[in-house]
Amino acid sequence: MTAAGTTNYLPTHNATTAPPKWYNPAYCRAYQSVMRKAAHFMHWRTPKVLSDYSELRDELRAHDINSVLVVSDPGLVKAGLVGALEDSLRAAGFTVSTYAETAPGPTTEDVARGLSIYYNNKCTGIVALGGGSAMDCAKGIAARVAQPNKSIAQLRGQLKVRSGVPYLAAIPTTAGTGSETTVAAVITDPETHDKGAINDPALIPQAAVLDPHLTEGVPPKVTAATGIDALSHAVEAYIGQSNTYETRRDALIATRLIFKWLPVAVADGHNLEARAAMQKAAFLAGTAFTRAYVGYVHAASHQLSALYGTVHGVGNGALMPHVLEMFGHAADSQLADLGRAALIPDWDKGTDSEKAQRFIAAVRDLTAEIGLPLTLPEIKPADIPELARKAAKEGNPLYPVPEIWQIPEFEELYRAVSESSGQGVTA
């Protein structure tokens, strides 16, 4: 089904205008090869894992941080988690300023407001408390501190932050995004609805507080969506072509943990063993895709979040089986490995192709079991061409996927996920 290697996948262009380079599969693979080689010379920091606020306070002191900007969201203010963190830091002598209005899917306006508070209160460090949105907002603020003369739009892309980032600690209250260990900050422009990522190893937090108690209050639907998000990170990292031994190892461990513990965490949010396992899975999946990248599940899902507000994990869960199927046999052996890691039934029987199909079916079954939809009816047919164009532009040339797609494949994907019947619950 691929259009790679053909000449009929290009949209109509002015005869005097060459199509963008990202339409060319050969260019995409060459770009990915360069990035893979360059990665060996980058500084890949793994955040120091802390267990509670007392260890966080010790780390802040060790880095001479005395004035902290806490970045969070209104839901965590209401839940009392922001106040508890502020009290903990102030009791230890830290000056604390707070921006807790981060939107679901942080915007350039969120970053600007947080940055103003950071400067006005002469902060020297940033602590993000929340899910991916709060952490991405905090990273966006840190990027602007490092590059004050550049806008978020100018910082999008690869390696544009470089240095000068203030001390950044992350406290995840969900288990999924892996933002506490990744290079990426995904920020939306509310005027254009463009959703793009700033990618730079400088944005990897210096420390991450993994305390399962902080995730106990997460509702089942959020637990489900963030858990499937973590699975999509592990899967896309593993099947891509920029893996290392470490990323493969982390992705496989994360996959096993998610298949075992995500249904438990959704069913019983107070099961701390399940909560801790999911935090570990999200962290490992985050370290995996930080180095190995994600793929077309994310390229397609980001556009749905930007246009319709589709919850990222919900979009990923519905899209992932379709994307894996549309790769044909290009990822059979990797999907077979993932099935073995997940201990799905009959993982050791048949050919790699048969094992791959069983893993894809297991992903669908897991998604439905935890109550997420397998179809996305919000997708409007009239929007599909533009969604596909933006997804192709995000995915190419960066994402080292098993098979290069162009706009027609993304159009096919969006049609399939909007029309297919599923047994999940529409969110």
Protein backbone atom coordinates (compact mmCIF):
# COMPACT_ATOMS: atom_id res chain seq x y z
CA MET A 1 0.00 0.00 0.00
CA THR A 2 2.96 2.28 0.21
CA ALA A 3 3.53 5.09 -2.24
CA ALA A 4 7.26 5.07 -1.64
CA GLY A 5 9.22 4.82 -4.85
CA THR A 6 6.34 5.97 -7.04
CA THR A 7 5.71 9.35 -8.61
CA ASN A 8 1.96 9.69 -8.22
CA TYR A 9 1.84 10.60 -4.52
CA LEU A 10 2.65 14.28 -4.95
CA PRO A 11 -0.10 16.86 -4.66
CA THR A 12 -0.45 19.41 -7.39
CA HIS A 13 2.35 21.99 -7.39
CA ASN A 14 3.11 24.93 -9.56
CA ALA A 15 5.19 23.59 -12.44
CA THR A 16 8.00 25.97 -11.55
CA THR A 17 8.03 25.03 -7.86
CA ALA A 18 9.77 21.91 -6.62
CA PRO A 19 7.87 19.93 -3.97
CA PRO A 20 9.24 20.05 -0.41
CA LYS A 21 12.13 17.72 0.32
CA TRP A 22 10.06 15.82 2.85
CA TYR A 23 8.05 14.32 -0.02
CA ASN A 24 11.10 12.37 -1.11
CA PRO A 25 11.59 9.02 0.72
CA ALA A 26 15.29 8.94 -0.18
CA TYR A 27 15.78 12.38 1.39
CA CYS A 28 13.92 11.24 4.52
CA ARG A 29 16.18 8.22 4.96
CA ALA A 30 19.31 10.29 4.35
CA TYR A 31 18.16 12.88 6.92
CA GLN A 32 17.44 10.14 9.47
CA SER A 33 20.87 8.61 8.87
CA VAL A 34 22.55 11.94 9.59
CA MET A 35 20.49 12.41 12.77
CA ARG A 36 21.32 8.87 13.89
CA LYS A 37 25.04 9.53 13.52
CA ALA A 38 24.81 12.96 15.15
CA ALA A 39 23.03 11.43 18.15
CA HIS A 40 26.26 9.74 19.19
CA PHE A 41 27.77 13.16 19.87
CA MET A 42 24.84 14.59 21.84
CA HIS A 43 24.61 14.76 25.62
CA TRP A 44 21.79 12.39 26.57
CA ARG A 45 21.07 13.09 30.20
CA THR A 46 18.92 10.68 32.20
CA PRO A 47 17.09 12.51 34.99
CA LYS A 48 18.03 11.62 38.54
CA VAL A 49 15.09 9.70 39.98
CA LEU A 50 13.87 11.05 43.33
CA SER A 51 11.28 9.40 45.55
CA ASP A 52 9.74 12.37 47.40
CA TYR A 53 9.81 16.09 48.10
CA SER A 54 12.55 15.85 50.71
CA GLU A 55 14.93 14.51 48.08
CA LEU A 56 13.78 17.25 45.69
CA ARG A 57 14.62 19.91 48.27
CA ASP A 58 18.07 18.41 48.73
CA GLU A 59 18.65 18.47 44.97
CA LEU A 60 17.56 22.10 44.67
CA ARG A 61 19.97 23.10 47.44
CA ALA A 62 22.77 21.09 45.82
CA HIS A 63 22.28 23.17 42.66
CA ASP A 64 22.11 26.48 44.57
CA ILE A 65 18.47 27.04 43.66
CA ASN A 66 16.68 29.30 46.12
CA SER A 67 13.84 30.84 44.09
CA VAL A 68 11.59 28.38 42.28
CA LEU A 69 8.87 28.73 39.65
CA VAL A 70 6.27 25.97 40.05
CA VAL A 71 4.42 25.22 36.80
CA SER A 72 1.14 23.30 37.07
CA ASP A 73 -2.54 23.41 36.12
CA PRO A 74 -5.91 24.37 37.68
CA GLY A 75 -6.95 20.77 38.30
CA LEU A 76 -3.97 20.16 40.55
CA VAL A 77 -4.62 23.42 42.39
CA LYS A 78 -8.15 22.19 43.13
CA ALA A 79 -6.80 18.78 44.18
CA GLY A 80 -4.47 20.44 46.69
CA LEU A 81 -1.28 19.08 45.11
CA VAL A 82 0.06 22.50 44.12
CA GLY A 83 -0.46 23.88 47.60
CA ALA A 84 1.24 20.86 49.16
CA LEU A 85 4.31 21.34 46.96
CA GLU A 86 4.42 25.08 47.65
CA ASP A 87 4.15 24.48 51.40
CA SER A 88 6.89 21.85 51.30
CA LEU A 89 9.28 24.17 49.48
CA ARG A 90 8.48 27.30 51.50
CA ALA A 91 8.86 25.43 54.79
CA ALA A 92 12.40 24.58 53.69
CA GLY A 93 13.24 28.22 52.99
CA PHE A 94 12.68 28.40 49.22
CA THR A 95 11.01 31.37 47.58
CA VAL A 96 8.14 30.00 45.49
CA SER A 97 6.26 31.60 42.60
CA THR A 98 3.58 29.70 40.71
CA TYR A 99 2.03 29.56 37.27
CA ALA A 100 -0.83 27.06 37.55
CA GLU A 101 -3.04 27.98 34.60
CA THR A 102 -1.51 25.66 32.01
CA ALA A 103 -4.08 24.56 29.47
CA PRO A 104 -4.49 20.93 28.36
CA GLY A 105 -2.03 21.12 25.50
CA PRO A 106 0.01 24.16 26.56
CA THR A 107 -0.02 27.22 24.35
CA THR A 108 2.42 29.94 23.47
CA GLU A 109 0.36 32.19 25.77
CA ASP A 110 0.93 29.81 28.69
CA VAL A 111 4.67 29.95 28.08
CA ALA A 112 4.65 33.75 27.88
CA ARG A 113 2.72 34.13 31.15
CA GLY A 114 4.94 31.67 32.97
CA LEU A 115 8.06 33.32 31.60
CA SER A 116 6.89 36.70 32.88
CA ILE A 117 6.42 35.28 36.39
CA TYR A 118 9.86 33.66 36.22
CA TYR A 119 11.55 36.95 35.39
CA ASN A 120 9.44 39.15 37.67
CA ASN A 121 10.25 37.00 40.69
CA LYS A 122 13.91 36.44 39.80
CA CYS A 123 13.51 32.67 39.80
CA THR A 124 16.57 30.47 39.35
CA GLY A 125 14.92 27.10 38.84
CA ILE A 126 11.70 25.52 37.56
CA VAL A 127 9.67 22.66 39.01
CA ALA A 128 6.91 21.18 36.84
CA LEU A 129 4.05 19.42 38.63
CA GLY A 130 1.47 17.59 36.57
CA GLY A 131 1.07 15.64 33.37
CA GLY A 132 2.60 16.25 29.99
CA SER A 133 0.99 19.66 29.60
CA ALA A 134 2.56 21.17 32.72
CA MET A 135 5.94 19.64 31.93
CA ASP A 136 5.85 20.81 28.31
CA CYS A 137 4.90 24.31 29.46
CA ALA A 138 7.80 24.31 31.93
CA LYS A 139 10.19 23.18 29.20
CA GLY A 140 8.87 25.91 26.91
CA ILE A 141 9.56 28.48 29.62
CA ALA A 142 13.06 27.04 30.15
CA ALA A 143 13.73 27.21 26.41
CA ARG A 144 12.72 30.88 26.31
CA VAL A 145 14.97 31.62 29.31
CA ALA A 146 17.84 30.02 27.42
CA GLN A 147 16.98 31.80 24.16
CA PRO A 148 15.20 35.04 25.18
CA ASN A 149 15.39 36.58 21.73
CA LYS A 150 13.60 33.71 20.00
CA SER A 151 9.90 32.92 19.91
CA ILE A 152 8.44 29.47 20.45
CA ALA A 153 7.88 29.24 16.69
CA GLN A 154 11.56 29.96 16.08
CA LEU A 155 12.61 27.33 18.62
CA ARG A 156 10.53 24.52 17.12
CA GLY A 157 12.51 21.80 15.46
CA GLN A 158 15.83 20.26 16.32
CA LEU A 159 18.65 21.50 18.55
CA LYS A 160 17.74 25.19 18.69
CA VAL A 161 17.94 25.65 22.48
CA ARG A 162 21.46 24.28 23.03
CA SER A 163 22.49 25.73 26.39
CA GLY A 164 21.57 28.16 29.15
CA VAL A 165 18.51 26.23 30.34
CA PRO A 166 17.76 26.81 34.06
CA TYR A 167 17.59 23.91 36.50
CA LEU A 168 14.44 21.93 35.74
CA ALA A 169 12.81 19.22 37.86
CA ALA A 170 9.66 17.32 36.88
CA ILE A 171 7.04 15.75 39.14
CA PRO A 172 4.65 13.64 37.05
CA THR A 173 1.16 13.16 38.45
CA THR A 174 0.17 10.86 35.60
CA ALA A 175 1.97 7.85 34.16
CA GLY A 176 2.17 8.17 30.42
CA THR A 177 3.73 11.11 28.68
CA GLY A 178 7.27 10.43 29.82
CA SER A 179 7.88 14.17 29.61
CA GLU A 180 9.91 13.94 32.80
CA THR A 181 12.70 12.31 30.79
CA THR A 182 12.29 13.56 27.22
CA VAL A 183 13.84 16.21 24.99
CA ALA A 184 10.52 17.47 23.68
CA ALA A 185 8.17 20.32 24.54
CA VAL A 186 5.00 20.33 22.44
CA ILE A 187 3.42 23.79 22.33
CA THR A 188 0.32 24.95 20.42
CA ASP A 189 -0.20 28.34 18.81
CA PRO A 190 -3.85 29.18 19.68
CA GLU A 191 -4.23 31.49 16.69
CA THR A 192 -3.06 29.10 13.97
CA HIS A 193 -3.80 25.81 15.80
CA ASP A 194 -0.31 24.69 14.81
CA LYS A 195 1.10 22.20 17.29
CA GLY A 196 4.85 21.72 17.11
CA ALA A 197 7.68 20.37 19.20
CA ILE A 198 10.88 21.93 20.46
CA ASN A 199 13.40 19.07 20.54
CA ASP A 200 16.69 19.49 22.34
CA PRO A 201 18.58 17.35 24.89
CA ALA A 202 19.07 20.54 26.90
CA LEU A 203 15.36 20.27 27.85
CA ILE A 204 15.68 16.89 29.56
CA PRO A 205 14.90 17.60 33.24
CA GLN A 206 17.75 17.22 35.67
CA ALA A 207 15.56 15.30 38.13
CA ALA A 208 12.23 13.51 38.25
CA VAL A 209 10.20 12.78 41.37
CA LEU A 210 8.44 9.43 40.89
CA ASP A 211 6.01 9.13 43.79
CA PRO A 212 3.07 6.78 43.07
CA HIS A 213 0.99 8.47 45.77
CA LEU A 214 0.74 11.54 43.53
CA THR A 215 -1.06 9.49 40.86
CA GLU A 216 -3.67 7.92 43.18
CA GLY A 217 -6.27 10.58 42.42
CA VAL A 218 -6.01 10.27 38.64
CA PRO A 219 -9.41 9.22 37.21
CA PRO A 220 -9.68 5.91 35.34
CA LYS A 221 -10.14 7.57 31.92
CA VAL A 222 -7.00 9.65 32.39
CA THR A 223 -5.08 6.64 33.70
CA ALA A 224 -6.15 4.72 30.60
CA ALA A 225 -5.28 7.46 28.13
CA THR A 226 -1.89 8.23 29.63
CA GLY A 227 -1.06 4.54 29.89
CA ILE A 228 -1.80 3.94 26.20
CA ASP A 229 0.28 7.02 25.41
CA ALA A 230 3.20 5.36 27.19
CA LEU A 231 2.61 2.17 25.21
CA SER A 232 2.66 4.12 21.95
CA HIS A 233 6.01 5.61 22.97
CA ALA A 234 7.48 2.18 23.62
CA VAL A 235 6.07 0.64 20.44
CA GLU A 236 7.06 3.46 18.10
CA ALA A 237 10.52 3.69 19.62
CA TYR A 238 11.06 -0.06 19.23
CA ILE A 239 9.88 -0.39 15.62
CA GLY A 240 11.78 2.67 14.38
CA GLN A 241 15.19 2.61 12.72
CA SER A 242 17.15 4.73 15.18
CA ASN A 243 17.28 2.29 18.06
CA THR A 244 20.16 1.50 20.37
CA TYR A 245 20.56 -1.44 22.73
CA GLU A 246 19.37 0.77 25.58
CA THR A 247 16.26 2.06 23.81
CA ARG A 248 15.25 -1.44 22.75
CA ARG A 249 15.71 -2.71 26.30
CA ASP A 250 13.71 0.14 27.84
CA ALA A 251 10.91 -0.18 25.28
CA LEU A 252 10.52 -3.91 25.89
CA ILE A 253 10.46 -3.53 29.67
CA ALA A 254 7.92 -0.71 29.41
CA THR A 255 5.70 -2.80 27.12
CA ARG A 256 5.69 -5.72 29.55
CA LEU A 257 4.87 -3.47 32.50
CA ILE A 258 2.03 -1.72 30.67
CA PHE A 259 0.30 -4.90 29.51
CA LYS A 260 0.51 -6.32 33.02
CA TRP A 261 -0.30 -3.30 35.16
CA LEU A 262 -2.35 -0.80 33.14
CA PRO A 263 -5.67 -2.67 33.48
CA VAL A 264 -5.02 -2.98 37.22
CA ALA A 265 -4.27 0.73 37.59
CA VAL A 266 -7.43 1.64 35.67
CA ALA A 267 -9.59 -0.72 37.74
CA ASP A 268 -8.06 0.21 41.11
CA GLY A 269 -6.43 3.60 41.25
CA HIS A 270 -5.28 3.04 44.82
CA ASN A 271 -3.16 0.00 43.94
CA LEU A 272 0.24 1.56 44.58
CA GLU A 273 2.11 -1.39 43.07
CA ALA A 274 0.29 -0.83 39.79
CA ARG A 275 0.76 2.94 40.03
CA ALA A 276 4.50 2.57 40.66
CA ALA A 277 4.85 0.08 37.80
CA MET A 278 3.10 2.47 35.42
CA GLN A 279 5.34 5.36 36.50
CA LYS A 280 8.38 3.19 35.79
CA ALA A 281 6.91 2.17 32.41
CA ALA A 282 6.24 5.76 31.42
CA PHE A 283 9.74 6.79 32.43
CA LEU A 284 11.38 3.94 30.48
CA ALA A 285 9.21 4.51 27.42
CA GLY A 286 10.15 8.18 27.62
CA THR A 287 13.87 7.41 27.71
CA ALA A 288 13.38 5.07 24.75
CA PHE A 289 11.62 7.49 22.43
CA THR A 290 13.81 10.40 23.50
CA ARG A 291 16.69 8.73 21.68
CA ALA A 292 14.82 6.56 19.14
CA TYR A 293 11.95 8.97 18.30
CA VAL A 294 8.26 8.31 17.88
CA GLY A 295 6.48 7.79 14.55
CA TYR A 296 3.35 8.28 12.52
CA VAL A 297 0.95 7.51 15.40
CA HIS A 298 2.15 10.70 17.02
CA ALA A 299 2.35 12.68 13.79
CA ALA A 300 -1.31 11.90 13.12
CA SER A 301 -2.49 12.26 16.72
CA HIS A 302 -0.91 15.68 17.24
CA GLN A 303 -3.01 17.13 14.42
CA LEU A 304 -6.22 15.81 15.98
CA SER A 305 -5.34 17.36 19.34
CA ALA A 306 -4.60 20.70 17.70
CA LEU A 307 -7.77 20.82 15.58
CA TYR A 308 -10.38 19.01 17.68
CA GLY A 309 -8.88 18.89 21.15
CA THR A 310 -8.73 15.09 20.98
CA VAL A 311 -7.02 13.78 24.11
CA HIS A 312 -3.55 12.74 22.99
CA GLY A 313 -3.61 9.27 24.53
CA VAL A 314 -7.11 8.63 23.18
CA GLY A 315 -5.96 9.55 19.69
CA ASN A 316 -2.88 7.39 20.01
CA GLY A 317 -4.87 4.39 21.18
CA ALA A 318 -7.28 4.53 18.27
CA LEU A 319 -4.62 5.25 15.66
CA MET A 320 -1.93 2.80 16.76
CA PRO A 321 -3.47 -0.48 15.48
CA HIS A 322 -4.22 1.11 12.09
CA VAL A 323 -0.71 2.50 11.72
CA LEU A 324 0.87 -0.84 12.63
CA GLU A 325 -1.36 -2.67 10.14
CA MET A 326 -0.66 -0.17 7.38
CA PHE A 327 3.08 -0.77 7.72
CA GLY A 328 2.39 -4.20 6.23
CA HIS A 329 5.29 -6.57 6.89
CA ALA A 330 7.88 -3.81 7.42
CA ALA A 331 7.82 -4.22 11.22
CA ASP A 332 6.84 -7.88 11.64
CA SER A 333 9.94 -8.98 13.55
CA GLN A 334 9.84 -5.98 15.90
CA LEU A 335 6.13 -6.44 16.61
CA ALA A 336 6.78 -10.11 17.28
CA ASP A 337 9.41 -9.07 19.84
CA LEU A 338 6.92 -6.75 21.51
CA GLY A 339 4.36 -9.53 21.67
CA ARG A 340 6.89 -11.73 23.41
CA ALA A 341 7.70 -8.94 25.88
CA ALA A 342 3.99 -8.43 26.58
CA LEU A 343 3.49 -12.18 27.09
CA ILE A 344 0.40 -12.15 24.90
CA PRO A 345 -1.26 -15.54 24.29
CA ASP A 346 0.56 -17.70 21.74
CA TRP A 347 3.35 -15.15 21.41
CA ASP A 348 5.77 -17.94 20.45
CA LYS A 349 3.64 -19.63 17.79
CA GLY A 350 3.73 -19.14 14.02
CA THR A 351 5.65 -16.83 11.75
CA ASP A 352 6.77 -13.31 12.61
CA SER A 353 3.88 -12.02 10.51
CA GLU A 354 1.38 -14.06 12.52
CA LYS A 355 2.99 -12.96 15.79
CA ALA A 356 2.83 -9.32 14.64
CA GLN A 357 -0.88 -9.61 13.89
CA ARG A 358 -1.52 -11.10 17.32
CA PHE A 359 0.33 -8.21 18.94
CA ILE A 360 -1.73 -5.67 17.00
CA ALA A 361 -4.89 -7.48 18.08
CA ALA A 362 -3.63 -7.42 21.67
CA VAL A 363 -3.15 -3.65 21.46
CA ARG A 364 -6.74 -3.30 20.28
CA ASP A 365 -7.99 -5.58 23.04
CA LEU A 366 -6.07 -3.69 25.71
CA THR A 367 -7.39 -0.36 24.45
CA ALA A 368 -10.97 -1.61 24.54
CA GLU A 369 -10.49 -3.32 27.93
CA ILE A 370 -9.51 -0.06 29.61
CA GLY A 371 -12.46 1.78 28.07
CA LEU A 372 -10.84 3.84 25.32
CA PRO A 373 -12.41 4.25 21.87
CA LEU A 374 -11.19 2.40 18.81
CA THR A 375 -12.72 4.97 16.48
CA LEU A 376 -12.55 8.78 16.31
CA PRO A 377 -15.85 10.05 14.86
CA GLU A 378 -14.89 13.69 15.43
CA ILE A 379 -12.76 13.59 12.28
CA LYS A 380 -14.58 15.47 9.53
CA PRO A 381 -14.04 14.26 5.96
CA ALA A 382 -13.49 17.82 4.75
CA ASP A 383 -10.60 18.21 7.23
CA ILE A 384 -8.75 15.06 6.21
CA PRO A 385 -6.61 16.54 3.39
CA GLU A 386 -5.21 19.26 5.66
CA LEU A 387 -4.79 16.89 8.60
CA ALA A 388 -2.87 14.53 6.32
CA ARG A 389 -0.68 17.30 4.95
CA LYS A 390 0.30 18.47 8.42
CA ALA A 391 0.86 14.92 9.69
CA ALA A 392 3.12 14.13 6.73
CA LYS A 393 5.06 17.33 7.31
CA GLU A 394 5.56 16.53 10.99
CA GLY A 395 6.52 12.93 10.40
CA ASN A 396 8.91 13.50 7.51
CA PRO A 397 11.85 13.60 7.35
CA LEU A 398 12.47 13.22 11.10
CA TYR A 399 10.66 10.12 12.30
CA PRO A 400 12.63 6.93 11.43
CA VAL A 401 9.56 4.80 10.80
CA PRO A 402 9.64 1.31 9.25
CA GLU A 403 8.12 2.64 6.02
CA ILE A 404 7.95 6.20 4.65
CA TRP A 405 4.43 7.49 4.02
CA GLN A 406 3.19 10.47 2.09
CA ILE A 407 -0.08 12.39 2.19
CA PRO A 408 -2.30 9.67 0.65
CA GLU A 409 -1.37 7.16 3.36
CA PHE A 410 -2.26 9.63 6.09
CA GLU A 411 -5.57 10.35 4.36
CA GLU A 412 -6.23 6.60 4.33
CA LEU A 413 -5.35 6.41 8.03
CA TYR A 414 -7.70 9.22 9.04
CA ARG A 415 -10.54 7.74 7.00
CA ALA A 416 -9.97 4.31 8.54
CA VAL A 417 -9.96 5.49 12.14
CA SER A 418 -12.98 7.74 11.64
CA GLU A 419 -15.07 5.07 9.93
CA SER A 420 -13.96 1.78 11.48
CA SER A 421 -16.26 0.14 13.97
CA GLY A 422 -14.76 -0.62 17.35
CA GLN A 423 -15.80 -2.00 20.69
CA GLY A 424 -14.22 0.70 22.79
CA VAL A 425 -16.20 3.42 24.49
CA THR A 426 -16.29 6.72 22.63
CA ALA A 427 -14.68 9.35 24.84
